Structures are given as C-alpha cells and as structure tokens.
C-alpha cells in the first residue's frame, strides 16, 4: 500500500460506520442481536456519612451507554437505592454487586447502601442512614448522572425492613436531617422478605429466636428482650407508621413460603394492612422460596421488580 491509499478518519456517527466487505474463504457470516445491557461505570466505597464511629459507604453503579472515548457521558438515569440484609449487623455490600449489575444493565443507576450495624447503633439508625444515602445521591445527582425525581427503594431481609421504614416515613420522621435541604422521599418500594412487625416474629415457625437480647431483633432495639419492650418494638416496626391519612409509596412484596428466618406472616401482615388502608400494594408468594434463595435470583423475579419500578417511577 502507498500513502495515497490512506483513507481519511471516519467522522460520522459510530452506528453508521461502514461495514467491511471482506469475507475470507471459510469465514461464516452471522447476524446476532444483542440481548440488551451495557457497560457499567463503578464508583466504589463512596463515603456518604460518618456517624457513631462508622464510616458509611455507597457502592454506585451507573449504566455506560455512551462510549467515554467520544466525550464524558451525559445521559441520566432513574436510581434504585438498594439496602442488603444482614440481620441489622455488619453488611457485606460487595456480595450484592452481581445482582445489582443486572439491574444496572437495564437502564438504572444503583446505589448499594451500607448502614450502621446494630452493635454500633440500634433503631432507628438504619432507616436514618438509608434516608441520608438518598439525600446524598440527590445532592450529587449531576456527578452520578441520576434523575433526582425518579428514585426507588429496594431491600431484602433487614434491608427490606429498612427500606419500608425509610420509604413510608419520608421526611421528618426517623430522620437525622443530614443533607436536610434535599428530600428523602421515593416513588416506590420493593420489599423482599423484610420483617414488618418485630414483636410478632416468634409467634410463627422459624429456625431463629427473635426475642432474646442478643437476637437480631433484640440487638436492633438496643440489646433488650423484645417482648419486654413492646413500645420500642412497635416503633421499630413499619406497621406502626401506616395510616389512612398518610401517603404511602406503592410497595411490592416478595416472600418465600418456606422462609426459615423471617416468617412468611411478616409480609402477610404488611400486605393485609396496606389493603385495609386502601394503599397500593402487590405481593408475590414464592413457592419453595427460602430466605433469599429458591427463586429470588431468577430472571422472573428480576423482571417482576423492574416492571413494578418502571410502572411507578
């Protein structure tokens, strides 16, 4: 080839780049359609607050549909704030990233919330931290390319308890006011097998004790016997904050019928109360579902969650 054979650099749109006509002998031509998805931009271990000796982090995942080589990405996305369960003890947020990546690939920014563990701070610290994280994301909406008016909450187990508490109380209640110039209210809530009525958990089949001072629920209340502190247990229960007068975001509930840790009845109680108050609630009973397995990681569960969020956000 000679210098005169050089072709000018293509300056058009990438999706209009001309196809190569070359076809060496033996090469098979195919046309396969992508199943969706995109690259993901990670912002890991972002500090959003420091409290009670705990440095609290967010793991933030952003869809990356615009190629960085063509300039900084500018497209903004709705946000899912996800709280992983841990029996209110120290979380392992990184374990959630593979599942959250699949949500991110469907066009959502995701922020995985680390809350204060119960041995550092009991109720209402976890709900407060969830709200602080929401406000932090709103404050930095441009940096993280989120749509601040399109935020959903999602959590499982103690994370489910946390997001329901945070989502239904909104601004002003169970709130430490950090980044108070921004709202913590959300469009909808996804609750996977979260406790809803703390004092009633030992009245249904379980493989755990839920009343002793060193039980998850006892530690949440400050290391006390749950049944000996009914007023505190009541205030730590999402059921306590529901009323006809109060606006409640739509809630999607998912719970396995063989949950050995959080009795299925916990979700039934929330569902029945929401229906009694004529609030927007949808519930799925996963047959053969255990505590976080047996269908919760399926495409069907993911599609159900995304359909619900898409509808309400």
C-alpha atoms as a PDB file:
ATOM      1  CA  UNK A   1       0.000   0.000   0.000  1.00  0.00           C
ATOM      2  CA  UNK A   2       1.070   3.561  -0.732  1.00  0.00           C
ATOM      3  CA  UNK A   3       0.466   6.737   1.236  1.00  0.00           C
ATOM      4  CA  UNK A   4      -2.050   7.699  -1.427  1.00  0.00           C
ATOM      5  CA  UNK A   5      -4.133   4.661  -0.410  1.00  0.00           C
ATOM      6  CA  UNK A   6      -4.743   6.031   3.095  1.00  0.00           C
ATOM      7  CA  UNK A   7      -8.411   6.618   3.917  1.00  0.00           C
ATOM      8  CA  UNK A   8      -9.426   9.693   5.974  1.00  0.00           C
ATOM      9  CA  UNK A   9     -10.515   9.083   9.557  1.00  0.00           C
ATOM     10  CA  UNK A  10     -14.256   8.431   9.677  1.00  0.00           C
ATOM     11  CA  UNK A  11     -16.034  11.382  11.304  1.00  0.00           C
ATOM     12  CA  UNK A  12     -19.638  10.218  11.264  1.00  0.00           C
ATOM     13  CA  UNK A  13     -21.834   8.524  13.870  1.00  0.00           C
ATOM     14  CA  UNK A  14     -20.473   5.202  15.242  1.00  0.00           C
ATOM     15  CA  UNK A  15     -23.712   3.363  14.440  1.00  0.00           C
ATOM     16  CA  UNK A  16     -23.336   4.431  10.785  1.00  0.00           C
ATOM     17  CA  UNK A  17     -19.742   3.214  10.464  1.00  0.00           C
ATOM     18  CA  UNK A  18     -19.460   1.374   7.116  1.00  0.00           C
ATOM     19  CA  UNK A  19     -19.399  -2.427   7.218  1.00  0.00           C
ATOM     20  CA  UNK A  20     -16.334  -4.202   5.880  1.00  0.00           C
ATOM     21  CA  UNK A  21     -16.965  -6.074   2.603  1.00  0.00           C
ATOM     22  CA  UNK A  22     -14.146  -8.569   3.235  1.00  0.00           C
ATOM     23  CA  UNK A  23     -15.101 -12.239   3.574  1.00  0.00           C
ATOM     24  CA  UNK A  24     -12.148 -14.655   3.619  1.00  0.00           C
ATOM     25  CA  UNK A  25     -12.808 -18.186   2.454  1.00  0.00           C
ATOM     26  CA  UNK A  26     -14.206 -20.330   5.274  1.00  0.00           C
ATOM     27  CA  UNK A  27     -15.485 -17.447   7.413  1.00  0.00           C
ATOM     28  CA  UNK A  28     -19.129 -17.836   8.468  1.00  0.00           C
ATOM     29  CA  UNK A  29     -21.279 -14.706   8.330  1.00  0.00           C
ATOM     30  CA  UNK A  30     -23.832 -14.316  11.139  1.00  0.00           C
ATOM     31  CA  UNK A  31     -26.094 -11.556  12.431  1.00  0.00           C
ATOM     32  CA  UNK A  32     -26.787 -11.775  16.141  1.00  0.00           C
ATOM     33  CA  UNK A  33     -28.922  -9.306  18.094  1.00  0.00           C
ATOM     34  CA  UNK A  34     -27.697  -8.107  21.473  1.00  0.00           C
ATOM     35  CA  UNK A  35     -29.899  -9.071  24.422  1.00  0.00           C
ATOM     36  CA  UNK A  36     -29.594  -5.630  25.934  1.00  0.00           C
ATOM     37  CA  UNK A  37     -27.275  -4.500  28.663  1.00  0.00           C
ATOM     38  CA  UNK A  38     -24.438  -2.041  28.605  1.00  0.00           C
ATOM     39  CA  UNK A  39     -21.098  -1.302  30.154  1.00  0.00           C
ATOM     40  CA  UNK A  40     -21.099  -0.203  33.786  1.00  0.00           C
ATOM     41  CA  UNK A  41     -19.257   2.638  35.466  1.00  0.00           C
ATOM     42  CA  UNK A  42     -18.345   1.877  39.094  1.00  0.00           C
ATOM     43  CA  UNK A  43     -17.903   4.331  41.972  1.00  0.00           C
ATOM     44  CA  UNK A  44     -16.912   2.067  44.845  1.00  0.00           C
ATOM     45  CA  UNK A  45     -16.658   2.878  48.549  1.00  0.00           C
ATOM     46  CA  UNK A  46     -18.004   6.403  48.208  1.00  0.00           C
ATOM     47  CA  UNK A  47     -18.322   7.874  51.725  1.00  0.00           C
ATOM     48  CA  UNK A  48     -21.730   9.422  52.345  1.00  0.00           C
ATOM     49  CA  UNK A  49     -21.625   9.882  56.129  1.00  0.00           C
ATOM     50  CA  UNK A  50     -19.616   9.234  59.294  1.00  0.00           C
ATOM     51  CA  UNK A  51     -21.526   8.513  62.500  1.00  0.00           C
ATOM     52  CA  UNK A  52     -21.132   6.560  65.756  1.00  0.00           C
ATOM     53  CA  UNK A  53     -17.585   5.658  64.804  1.00  0.00           C
ATOM     54  CA  UNK A  54     -18.733   4.161  61.491  1.00  0.00           C
ATOM     55  CA  UNK A  55     -17.661   5.379  58.057  1.00  0.00           C
ATOM     56  CA  UNK A  56     -20.607   4.659  55.795  1.00  0.00           C
ATOM     57  CA  UNK A  57     -20.135   3.861  52.114  1.00  0.00           C
ATOM     58  CA  UNK A  58     -22.121   3.586  48.921  1.00  0.00           C
ATOM     59  CA  UNK A  59     -21.321   1.245  46.062  1.00  0.00           C
ATOM     60  CA  UNK A  60     -22.610   3.108  42.998  1.00  0.00           C
ATOM     61  CA  UNK A  61     -23.201   1.505  39.604  1.00  0.00           C
ATOM     62  CA  UNK A  62     -24.035   3.625  36.558  1.00  0.00           C
ATOM     63  CA  UNK A  63     -25.046   2.499  33.075  1.00  0.00           C
ATOM     64  CA  UNK A  64     -22.467   3.496  30.492  1.00  0.00           C
ATOM     65  CA  UNK A  65     -24.190   3.592  27.119  1.00  0.00           C
ATOM     66  CA  UNK A  66     -22.069   6.437  25.770  1.00  0.00           C
ATOM     67  CA  UNK A  67     -18.514   5.488  24.859  1.00  0.00           C
ATOM     68  CA  UNK A  68     -16.093   7.510  27.013  1.00  0.00           C
ATOM     69  CA  UNK A  69     -13.740   7.951  24.043  1.00  0.00           C
ATOM     70  CA  UNK A  70     -16.362  10.216  22.473  1.00  0.00           C
ATOM     71  CA  UNK A  71     -16.557  12.522  25.491  1.00  0.00           C
ATOM     72  CA  UNK A  72     -17.818  12.311  29.057  1.00  0.00           C
ATOM     73  CA  UNK A  73     -21.173  10.509  29.419  1.00  0.00           C
ATOM     74  CA  UNK A  74     -24.107  12.828  29.977  1.00  0.00           C
ATOM     75  CA  UNK A  75     -27.208  10.610  29.957  1.00  0.00           C
ATOM     76  CA  UNK A  76     -29.017  10.457  33.307  1.00  0.00           C
ATOM     77  CA  UNK A  77     -30.875   7.509  34.771  1.00  0.00           C
ATOM     78  CA  UNK A  78     -33.511   6.689  37.387  1.00  0.00           C
ATOM     79  CA  UNK A  79     -31.990   5.405  40.620  1.00  0.00           C
ATOM     80  CA  UNK A  80     -32.542   2.250  42.653  1.00  0.00           C
ATOM     81  CA  UNK A  81     -31.289   2.616  46.224  1.00  0.00           C
ATOM     82  CA  UNK A  82     -30.648  -0.936  47.434  1.00  0.00           C
ATOM     83  CA  UNK A  83     -30.121  -1.983  51.070  1.00  0.00           C
ATOM     84  CA  UNK A  84     -28.713  -5.509  51.514  1.00  0.00           C
ATOM     85  CA  UNK A  85     -29.843  -7.545  54.504  1.00  0.00           C
ATOM     86  CA  UNK A  86     -27.582  -8.598  57.345  1.00  0.00           C
ATOM     87  CA  UNK A  87     -29.867  -9.151  60.360  1.00  0.00           C
ATOM     88  CA  UNK A  88     -29.035  -5.458  61.020  1.00  0.00           C
ATOM     89  CA  UNK A  89     -25.429  -6.481  61.687  1.00  0.00           C
ATOM     90  CA  UNK A  90     -22.353  -5.607  59.599  1.00  0.00           C
ATOM     91  CA  UNK A  91     -23.214  -5.909  55.911  1.00  0.00           C
ATOM     92  CA  UNK A  92     -21.173  -7.289  53.030  1.00  0.00           C
ATOM     93  CA  UNK A  93     -22.265  -4.899  50.252  1.00  0.00           C
ATOM     94  CA  UNK A  94     -19.879  -6.286  47.625  1.00  0.00           C
ATOM     95  CA  UNK A  95     -21.825  -9.550  47.605  1.00  0.00           C
ATOM     96  CA  UNK A  96     -24.777  -7.664  46.131  1.00  0.00           C
ATOM     97  CA  UNK A  97     -22.914  -6.263  43.138  1.00  0.00           C
ATOM     98  CA  UNK A  98     -23.508  -9.146  40.661  1.00  0.00           C
ATOM     99  CA  UNK A  99     -27.287  -8.890  41.150  1.00  0.00           C
ATOM    100  CA  UNK A 100     -27.231  -5.100  41.073  1.00  0.00           C
ATOM    101  CA  UNK A 101     -25.216  -5.147  37.847  1.00  0.00           C
ATOM    102  CA  UNK A 102     -28.104  -6.943  36.160  1.00  0.00           C
ATOM    103  CA  UNK A 103     -30.456  -4.144  37.207  1.00  0.00           C
ATOM    104  CA  UNK A 104     -27.939  -1.541  36.080  1.00  0.00           C
ATOM    105  CA  UNK A 105     -27.750  -3.171  32.658  1.00  0.00           C
ATOM    106  CA  UNK A 106     -31.480  -2.493  32.274  1.00  0.00           C
ATOM    107  CA  UNK A 107     -31.001   1.269  32.478  1.00  0.00           C
ATOM    108  CA  UNK A 108     -30.938   2.040  36.183  1.00  0.00           C
ATOM    109  CA  UNK A 109     -28.299   3.644  38.341  1.00  0.00           C
ATOM    110  CA  UNK A 110     -27.919   1.636  41.550  1.00  0.00           C
ATOM    111  CA  UNK A 111     -26.583   2.757  44.939  1.00  0.00           C
ATOM    112  CA  UNK A 112     -25.903  -0.034  47.457  1.00  0.00           C
ATOM    113  CA  UNK A 113     -26.256   1.352  50.984  1.00  0.00           C
ATOM    114  CA  UNK A 114     -24.117   0.454  53.978  1.00  0.00           C
ATOM    115  CA  UNK A 115     -25.921   1.256  57.227  1.00  0.00           C
ATOM    116  CA  UNK A 116     -24.690   1.363  60.827  1.00  0.00           C
ATOM    117  CA  UNK A 117     -24.745  -2.157  62.305  1.00  0.00           C
ATOM    118  CA  UNK A 118     -26.905  -2.750  65.359  1.00  0.00           C
ATOM    119  CA  UNK A 119     -23.911  -3.271  67.666  1.00  0.00           C
ATOM    120  CA  UNK A 120     -22.841   0.298  66.832  1.00  0.00           C
ATOM    121  CA  UNK A 121     -26.285   1.916  66.733  1.00  0.00           C
ATOM    122  CA  UNK A 122     -29.751   0.416  67.076  1.00  0.00           C
ATOM    123  CA  UNK A 123     -33.098   1.545  65.727  1.00  0.00           C
ATOM    124  CA  UNK A 124     -33.698   3.992  64.045  1.00  0.00           C
ATOM    125  CA  UNK A 125     -30.082   4.302  62.794  1.00  0.00           C
ATOM    126  CA  UNK A 126     -30.576   2.055  59.774  1.00  0.00           C
ATOM    127  CA  UNK A 127     -33.614   3.950  58.453  1.00  0.00           C
ATOM    128  CA  UNK A 128     -31.822   7.241  59.104  1.00  0.00           C
ATOM    129  CA  UNK A 129     -28.803   6.061  57.121  1.00  0.00           C
ATOM    130  CA  UNK A 130     -30.975   4.959  54.223  1.00  0.00           C
ATOM    131  CA  UNK A 131     -32.531   8.427  54.065  1.00  0.00           C
ATOM    132  CA  UNK A 132     -29.128  10.085  54.337  1.00  0.00           C
ATOM    133  CA  UNK A 133     -27.940   7.986  51.378  1.00  0.00           C
ATOM    134  CA  UNK A 134     -30.955   9.045  49.300  1.00  0.00           C
ATOM    135  CA  UNK A 135     -30.294  12.689  50.077  1.00  0.00           C
ATOM    136  CA  UNK A 136     -26.591  12.287  49.314  1.00  0.00           C
ATOM    137  CA  UNK A 137     -27.451  10.914  45.887  1.00  0.00           C
ATOM    138  CA  UNK A 138     -29.859  13.778  45.240  1.00  0.00           C
ATOM    139  CA  UNK A 139     -27.204  16.269  46.296  1.00  0.00           C
ATOM    140  CA  UNK A 140     -24.753  14.737  43.824  1.00  0.00           C
ATOM    141  CA  UNK A 141     -27.280  13.997  41.085  1.00  0.00           C
ATOM    142  CA  UNK A 142     -25.159  15.578  38.374  1.00  0.00           C
ATOM    143  CA  UNK A 143     -21.957  13.797  39.401  1.00  0.00           C
ATOM    144  CA  UNK A 144     -23.631  10.400  39.438  1.00  0.00           C
ATOM    145  CA  UNK A 145     -25.893  11.103  36.452  1.00  0.00           C
ATOM    146  CA  UNK A 146     -29.174  10.303  38.195  1.00  0.00           C
ATOM    147  CA  UNK A 147     -32.675  11.695  37.768  1.00  0.00           C
ATOM    148  CA  UNK A 148     -33.375  13.027  41.291  1.00  0.00           C
ATOM    149  CA  UNK A 149     -37.147  12.849  40.908  1.00  0.00           C
ATOM    150  CA  UNK A 150     -37.052   9.153  39.925  1.00  0.00           C
ATOM    151  CA  UNK A 151     -35.825   7.124  42.895  1.00  0.00           C
ATOM    152  CA  UNK A 152     -36.986   3.685  44.075  1.00  0.00           C
ATOM    153  CA  UNK A 153     -36.050   1.745  47.215  1.00  0.00           C
ATOM    154  CA  UNK A 154     -35.252  -1.980  47.244  1.00  0.00           C
ATOM    155  CA  UNK A 155     -34.096  -4.165  50.116  1.00  0.00           C
ATOM    156  CA  UNK A 156     -34.151  -7.719  51.392  1.00  0.00           C
ATOM    157  CA  UNK A 157     -34.464  -9.171  54.903  1.00  0.00           C
ATOM    158  CA  UNK A 158     -33.293  -6.471  57.359  1.00  0.00           C
ATOM    159  CA  UNK A 159     -32.704  -4.331  54.266  1.00  0.00           C
ATOM    160  CA  UNK A 160     -36.371  -4.834  53.383  1.00  0.00           C
ATOM    161  CA  UNK A 161     -37.340  -3.689  56.867  1.00  0.00           C
ATOM    162  CA  UNK A 162     -35.071  -0.672  56.438  1.00  0.00           C
ATOM    163  CA  UNK A 163     -36.399   0.443  53.058  1.00  0.00           C
ATOM    164  CA  UNK A 164     -40.028   0.067  54.097  1.00  0.00           C
ATOM    165  CA  UNK A 165     -39.411   2.111  57.248  1.00  0.00           C
ATOM    166  CA  UNK A 166     -37.489   4.764  55.324  1.00  0.00           C
ATOM    167  CA  UNK A 167     -39.879   4.830  52.392  1.00  0.00           C
ATOM    168  CA  UNK A 168     -43.160   5.090  54.275  1.00  0.00           C
ATOM    169  CA  UNK A 169     -41.959   7.661  56.847  1.00  0.00           C
ATOM    170  CA  UNK A 170     -40.308  10.007  54.330  1.00  0.00           C
ATOM    171  CA  UNK A 171     -39.016  13.352  55.532  1.00  0.00           C
ATOM    172  CA  UNK A 172     -39.206  14.367  59.177  1.00  0.00           C
ATOM    173  CA  UNK A 173     -39.803  11.040  60.968  1.00  0.00           C
ATOM    174  CA  UNK A 174     -36.974   8.634  61.903  1.00  0.00           C
ATOM    175  CA  UNK A 175     -34.686  11.225  60.403  1.00  0.00           C
ATOM    176  CA  UNK A 176     -31.384  12.790  61.454  1.00  0.00           C
ATOM    177  CA  UNK A 177     -31.701  15.574  58.881  1.00  0.00           C
ATOM    178  CA  UNK A 178     -28.271  15.162  57.249  1.00  0.00           C
ATOM    179  CA  UNK A 179     -28.331  16.905  53.830  1.00  0.00           C
ATOM    180  CA  UNK A 180     -31.682  18.215  55.003  1.00  0.00           C
ATOM    181  CA  UNK A 181     -32.032  20.616  52.087  1.00  0.00           C
ATOM    182  CA  UNK A 182     -32.813  17.549  49.955  1.00  0.00           C
ATOM    183  CA  UNK A 183     -35.794  15.213  50.263  1.00  0.00           C
ATOM    184  CA  UNK A 184     -35.548  11.509  51.107  1.00  0.00           C
ATOM    185  CA  UNK A 185     -38.923  10.632  49.593  1.00  0.00           C
ATOM    186  CA  UNK A 186     -39.165   7.954  46.911  1.00  0.00           C
ATOM    187  CA  UNK A 187     -41.573   6.827  44.207  1.00  0.00           C
ATOM    188  CA  UNK A 188     -41.933   3.170  45.224  1.00  0.00           C
ATOM    189  CA  UNK A 189     -40.568   0.407  47.471  1.00  0.00           C
ATOM    190  CA  UNK A 190     -39.556  -3.210  46.814  1.00  0.00           C
ATOM    191  CA  UNK A 191     -39.536  -5.314  49.994  1.00  0.00           C
ATOM    192  CA  UNK A 192     -38.133  -8.842  49.804  1.00  0.00           C
ATOM    193  CA  UNK A 193     -38.910 -10.864  52.947  1.00  0.00           C
ATOM    194  CA  UNK A 194     -38.371  -7.992  55.371  1.00  0.00           C
ATOM    195  CA  UNK A 195     -39.605  -8.004  58.988  1.00  0.00           C
ATOM    196  CA  UNK A 196     -42.611  -5.731  59.438  1.00  0.00           C
ATOM    197  CA  UNK A 197     -43.911  -6.392  62.972  1.00  0.00           C
ATOM    198  CA  UNK A 198     -40.921  -7.032  65.221  1.00  0.00           C
ATOM    199  CA  UNK A 199     -42.737  -8.283  68.318  1.00  0.00           C
ATOM    200  CA  UNK A 200     -44.752 -10.910  66.392  1.00  0.00           C
ATOM    201  CA  UNK A 201     -41.910 -12.872  64.798  1.00  0.00           C
ATOM    202  CA  UNK A 202     -41.660 -15.647  67.407  1.00  0.00           C
ATOM    203  CA  UNK A 203     -45.348 -16.454  67.113  1.00  0.00           C
ATOM    204  CA  UNK A 204     -44.785 -18.190  63.761  1.00  0.00           C
ATOM    205  CA  UNK A 205     -42.438 -21.022  62.670  1.00  0.00           C
ATOM    206  CA  UNK A 206     -38.775 -20.039  62.430  1.00  0.00           C
ATOM    207  CA  UNK A 207     -35.289 -21.505  62.880  1.00  0.00           C
ATOM    208  CA  UNK A 208     -34.193 -18.438  64.849  1.00  0.00           C
ATOM    209  CA  UNK A 209     -35.014 -16.822  68.148  1.00  0.00           C
ATOM    210  CA  UNK A 210     -36.376 -13.314  67.601  1.00  0.00           C
ATOM    211  CA  UNK A 211     -36.926 -12.151  71.186  1.00  0.00           C
ATOM    212  CA  UNK A 212     -33.717 -12.544  73.248  1.00  0.00           C
ATOM    213  CA  UNK A 213     -31.481  -9.521  73.895  1.00  0.00           C
ATOM    214  CA  UNK A 214     -28.765 -10.961  71.615  1.00  0.00           C
ATOM    215  CA  UNK A 215     -31.186 -11.924  68.828  1.00  0.00           C
ATOM    216  CA  UNK A 216     -31.169  -9.787  65.669  1.00  0.00           C
ATOM    217  CA  UNK A 217     -34.351  -8.045  66.779  1.00  0.00           C
ATOM    218  CA  UNK A 218     -33.131  -7.670  70.369  1.00  0.00           C
ATOM    219  CA  UNK A 219     -29.919  -6.072  69.153  1.00  0.00           C
ATOM    220  CA  UNK A 220     -31.883  -3.771  66.853  1.00  0.00           C
ATOM    221  CA  UNK A 221     -33.740  -2.490  69.922  1.00  0.00           C
ATOM    222  CA  UNK A 222     -30.517  -1.922  71.839  1.00  0.00           C
ATOM    223  CA  UNK A 223     -29.748  -5.355  73.291  1.00  0.00           C
ATOM    224  CA  UNK A 224     -33.024  -5.907  75.149  1.00  0.00           C
ATOM    225  CA  UNK A 225     -35.699  -8.595  75.271  1.00  0.00           C
ATOM    226  CA  UNK A 226     -38.176  -7.729  72.530  1.00  0.00           C
ATOM    227  CA  UNK A 227     -41.301  -8.873  74.386  1.00  0.00           C
ATOM    228  CA  UNK A 228     -40.326  -6.913  77.488  1.00  0.00           C
ATOM    229  CA  UNK A 229     -40.165  -3.664  75.478  1.00  0.00           C
ATOM    230  CA  UNK A 230     -43.405  -3.616  73.443  1.00  0.00           C
ATOM    231  CA  UNK A 231     -43.425   0.142  72.864  1.00  0.00           C
ATOM    232  CA  UNK A 232     -39.919   0.118  71.433  1.00  0.00           C
ATOM    233  CA  UNK A 233     -40.686  -2.949  69.303  1.00  0.00           C
ATOM    234  CA  UNK A 234     -43.801  -1.241  67.990  1.00  0.00           C
ATOM    235  CA  UNK A 235     -41.915   1.886  66.947  1.00  0.00           C
ATOM    236  CA  UNK A 236     -39.279  -0.240  65.190  1.00  0.00           C
ATOM    237  CA  UNK A 237     -41.998  -1.884  63.077  1.00  0.00           C
ATOM    238  CA  UNK A 238     -43.140  -0.451  59.743  1.00  0.00           C
ATOM    239  CA  UNK A 239     -46.728  -1.389  60.622  1.00  0.00           C
ATOM    240  CA  UNK A 240     -46.716   1.354  63.269  1.00  0.00           C
ATOM    241  CA  UNK A 241     -46.380   4.123  60.673  1.00  0.00           C
ATOM    242  CA  UNK A 242     -49.256   3.178  58.369  1.00  0.00           C
ATOM    243  CA  UNK A 243     -52.492   5.171  58.432  1.00  0.00           C
ATOM    244  CA  UNK A 244     -55.363   6.230  56.197  1.00  0.00           C
ATOM    245  CA  UNK A 245     -54.197   9.823  56.211  1.00  0.00           C
ATOM    246  CA  UNK A 246     -50.566   9.254  55.335  1.00  0.00           C
ATOM    247  CA  UNK A 247     -49.494   8.968  51.702  1.00  0.00           C
ATOM    248  CA  UNK A 248     -47.562   5.742  51.202  1.00  0.00           C
ATOM    249  CA  UNK A 249     -45.476   4.916  48.109  1.00  0.00           C
ATOM    250  CA  UNK A 250     -46.591   1.770  46.239  1.00  0.00           C
ATOM    251  CA  UNK A 251     -44.990  -1.354  47.713  1.00  0.00           C
ATOM    252  CA  UNK A 252     -44.052  -4.630  46.031  1.00  0.00           C
ATOM    253  CA  UNK A 253     -43.612  -7.516  48.499  1.00  0.00           C
ATOM    254  CA  UNK A 254     -41.900 -10.833  47.687  1.00  0.00           C
ATOM    255  CA  UNK A 255     -41.570 -13.627  50.250  1.00  0.00           C
ATOM    256  CA  UNK A 256     -40.823 -17.349  50.107  1.00  0.00           C
ATOM    257  CA  UNK A 257     -43.335 -19.753  51.623  1.00  0.00           C
ATOM    258  CA  UNK A 258     -40.521 -21.724  53.318  1.00  0.00           C
ATOM    259  CA  UNK A 259     -38.601 -18.787  54.771  1.00  0.00           C
ATOM    260  CA  UNK A 260     -36.841 -20.170  57.850  1.00  0.00           C
ATOM    261  CA  UNK A 261     -35.595 -16.802  59.164  1.00  0.00           C
ATOM    262  CA  UNK A 262     -38.313 -14.198  58.639  1.00  0.00           C
ATOM    263  CA  UNK A 263     -41.760 -15.830  58.921  1.00  0.00           C
ATOM    264  CA  UNK A 264     -43.924 -15.506  55.816  1.00  0.00           C
ATOM    265  CA  UNK A 265     -46.613 -13.977  58.041  1.00  0.00           C
ATOM    266  CA  UNK A 266     -44.488 -10.832  58.394  1.00  0.00           C
ATOM    267  CA  UNK A 267     -45.192  -9.931  54.778  1.00  0.00           C
ATOM    268  CA  UNK A 268     -48.827 -11.016  55.084  1.00  0.00           C
ATOM    269  CA  UNK A 269     -49.273  -8.544  57.934  1.00  0.00           C
ATOM    270  CA  UNK A 270     -47.932  -5.655  55.866  1.00  0.00           C
ATOM    271  CA  UNK A 271     -49.899  -6.675  52.785  1.00  0.00           C
ATOM    272  CA  UNK A 272     -53.204  -7.026  54.685  1.00  0.00           C
ATOM    273  CA  UNK A 273     -52.724  -3.689  56.448  1.00  0.00           C
ATOM    274  CA  UNK A 274     -51.926  -1.885  53.203  1.00  0.00           C
ATOM    275  CA  UNK A 275     -55.062  -3.334  51.601  1.00  0.00           C
ATOM    276  CA  UNK A 276     -57.147  -2.436  54.646  1.00  0.00           C
ATOM    277  CA  UNK A 277     -55.963   1.165  54.286  1.00  0.00           C
ATOM    278  CA  UNK A 278     -56.607   1.123  50.528  1.00  0.00           C
ATOM    279  CA  UNK A 279     -52.918   1.643  49.719  1.00  0.00           C
ATOM    280  CA  UNK A 280     -51.146   0.429  46.584  1.00  0.00           C
ATOM    281  CA  UNK A 281     -49.560  -2.948  47.343  1.00  0.00           C
ATOM    282  CA  UNK A 282     -48.658  -6.051  45.331  1.00  0.00           C
ATOM    283  CA  UNK A 283     -47.417  -9.309  46.824  1.00  0.00           C
ATOM    284  CA  UNK A 284     -45.853 -12.487  45.417  1.00  0.00           C
ATOM    285  CA  UNK A 285     -45.603 -15.733  47.380  1.00  0.00           C
ATOM    286  CA  UNK A 286     -42.636 -17.702  46.027  1.00  0.00           C
ATOM    287  CA  UNK A 287     -43.440 -21.403  46.263  1.00  0.00           C
ATOM    288  CA  UNK A 288     -40.388 -23.272  47.515  1.00  0.00           C
ATOM    289  CA  UNK A 289     -38.704 -19.970  48.329  1.00  0.00           C
ATOM    290  CA  UNK A 290     -36.328 -19.887  51.285  1.00  0.00           C
ATOM    291  CA  UNK A 291     -34.638 -16.883  52.869  1.00  0.00           C
ATOM    292  CA  UNK A 292     -33.185 -15.223  49.778  1.00  0.00           C
ATOM    293  CA  UNK A 293     -33.000 -18.322  47.589  1.00  0.00           C
ATOM    294  CA  UNK A 294     -35.438 -20.508  45.714  1.00  0.00           C
ATOM    295  CA  UNK A 295     -36.433 -18.031  43.032  1.00  0.00           C
ATOM    296  CA  UNK A 296     -35.308 -14.623  44.285  1.00  0.00           C
ATOM    297  CA  UNK A 297     -32.332 -14.607  41.909  1.00  0.00           C
ATOM    298  CA  UNK A 298     -34.351 -15.688  38.884  1.00  0.00           C
ATOM    299  CA  UNK A 299     -34.989 -13.709  35.721  1.00  0.00           C
ATOM    300  CA  UNK A 300     -38.689 -13.854  36.577  1.00  0.00           C
ATOM    301  CA  UNK A 301     -38.122 -12.152  39.939  1.00  0.00           C
ATOM    302  CA  UNK A 302     -35.869  -9.532  38.360  1.00  0.00           C
ATOM    303  CA  UNK A 303     -38.383  -8.822  35.591  1.00  0.00           C
ATOM    304  CA  UNK A 304     -41.182  -8.515  38.162  1.00  0.00           C
ATOM    305  CA  UNK A 305     -39.184  -5.991  40.176  1.00  0.00           C
ATOM    306  CA  UNK A 306     -38.259  -3.957  37.099  1.00  0.00           C
ATOM    307  CA  UNK A 307     -41.828  -3.992  35.785  1.00  0.00           C
ATOM    308  CA  UNK A 308     -43.065  -2.669  39.125  1.00  0.00           C
ATOM    309  CA  UNK A 309     -40.416   0.053  39.316  1.00  0.00           C
ATOM    310  CA  UNK A 310     -40.926   1.045  35.676  1.00  0.00           C
ATOM    311  CA  UNK A 311     -44.631   1.455  36.339  1.00  0.00           C
ATOM    312  CA  UNK A 312     -44.262   3.711  39.349  1.00  0.00           C
ATOM    313  CA  UNK A 313     -41.080   5.661  38.839  1.00  0.00           C
END
